[in-house]
Amino acid sequence: MPQQPLHDWPGCEIVEYNPAKMGGAPIVRGRRITPDAFVENYNASPEYTPEFIARELFEEPVDDVRAILRYAENEGWLVRPLT
C-alpha cells in the first residue's frame, strides 16, 4: 500500500497527480519525486537551502524546488522562512 502524502498540493502548478506513478501520490511534474520530500529536507536542517536540495539531494532545477517551497511556505508547512 502506498504511503499517504503529508500534504495536499491543489493549485501548485508544478505538482501533478498521476495514478500510474507512485500510486497516485502528488509528484513533481514529470518526475517520480514527491514535493513533500523537498519540504521534509528543507525543514530538517538550516543547512538545507533550496540550492542544496536541488543540486546535492535531488538533481532538480532550483526554480522547481523554490516553487514547491514557496507554495509550502504560503500553506504554513515550513518550520523557518524561505531563504
Protein backbone atom coordinates (compact mmCIF):
# COMPACT_ATOMS: atom_id res chain seq x y z
CA MET A 1 0.00 0.00 0.00
CA PRO A 2 1.48 3.41 -0.95
CA GLN A 3 2.40 5.82 1.81
CA GLN A 4 -0.04 8.69 2.26
CA PRO A 5 1.34 12.10 1.30
CA LEU A 6 1.95 14.53 4.15
CA HIS A 7 0.27 17.41 2.32
CA ASP A 8 -2.24 18.04 -0.42
CA TRP A 9 -0.98 20.27 -3.24
CA PRO A 10 -4.01 21.74 -5.08
CA GLY A 11 -3.13 24.82 -7.04
CA CYS A 12 0.62 24.19 -7.10
CA GLU A 13 1.37 24.38 -10.80
CA ILE A 14 4.33 22.01 -10.85
CA VAL A 15 2.69 19.21 -8.85
CA GLU A 16 0.68 16.54 -10.60
CA TYR A 17 -1.34 13.51 -9.59
CA ASN A 18 -0.95 10.50 -11.86
CA PRO A 19 -2.39 7.13 -10.80
CA ALA A 20 0.25 5.39 -12.93
CA LYS A 21 3.13 6.98 -10.97
CA MET A 22 3.84 6.35 -7.31
CA GLY A 23 0.34 5.12 -6.60
CA GLY A 24 -1.23 8.46 -7.46
CA ALA A 25 0.67 10.39 -4.78
CA PRO A 26 1.45 14.01 -5.61
CA ILE A 27 4.70 14.26 -7.56
CA VAL A 28 6.79 16.99 -9.10
CA ARG A 29 5.61 17.29 -12.70
CA GLY A 30 7.37 14.80 -14.96
CA ARG A 31 9.33 13.19 -12.12
CA ARG A 32 8.94 10.47 -9.53
CA ILE A 33 9.76 12.75 -6.62
CA THR A 34 7.19 13.88 -4.10
CA PRO A 35 7.07 17.57 -3.25
CA ASP A 36 6.88 16.53 0.40
CA ALA A 37 10.47 15.29 0.07
CA PHE A 38 11.61 18.85 -0.65
CA VAL A 39 9.64 20.18 2.34
CA GLU A 40 10.90 17.47 4.69
CA ASN A 41 14.51 18.13 3.73
CA TYR A 42 14.17 21.91 3.99
CA ASN A 43 12.61 21.55 7.45
CA ALA A 44 15.29 19.07 8.58
CA SER A 45 18.21 21.48 8.72
CA PRO A 46 19.04 25.16 8.21
CA GLU A 47 21.95 23.96 6.08
CA TYR A 48 19.46 22.54 3.57
CA THR A 49 18.87 25.54 1.36
CA PRO A 50 16.79 25.33 -1.82
CA GLU A 51 20.05 25.30 -3.80
CA PHE A 52 21.49 22.45 -1.73
CA ILE A 53 18.28 20.44 -2.01
CA ALA A 54 18.15 20.99 -5.77
CA ARG A 55 21.78 20.25 -6.56
CA GLU A 56 23.00 17.86 -3.91
CA LEU A 57 19.97 15.81 -2.97
CA PHE A 58 17.68 15.59 -5.99
CA GLU A 59 19.43 16.99 -9.08
CA GLU A 60 16.39 19.13 -9.80
CA PRO A 61 16.12 22.67 -11.15
CA VAL A 62 16.46 25.21 -8.33
CA ASP A 63 13.41 27.05 -9.67
CA ASP A 64 11.27 23.93 -9.22
CA VAL A 65 12.48 23.41 -5.65
CA ARG A 66 11.84 27.09 -4.86
CA ALA A 67 8.34 26.91 -6.37
CA ILE A 68 7.47 23.92 -4.19
CA LEU A 69 8.91 25.57 -1.09
CA ARG A 70 7.13 28.88 -1.81
CA TYR A 71 3.84 27.03 -2.02
CA ALA A 72 4.65 25.17 1.21
CA GLU A 73 5.58 28.43 2.94
CA ASN A 74 2.27 30.01 1.90
CA GLU A 75 0.49 26.98 3.37
CA GLY A 76 2.42 27.25 6.64
CA TRP A 77 4.28 23.95 6.24
CA LEU A 78 7.84 25.28 6.61
CA VAL A 79 9.48 25.48 10.04
CA ARG A 80 11.54 28.53 9.03
CA PRO A 81 11.16 31.30 6.45
CA LEU A 82 12.22 30.51 2.92
CA THR A 83 15.68 31.91 2.21
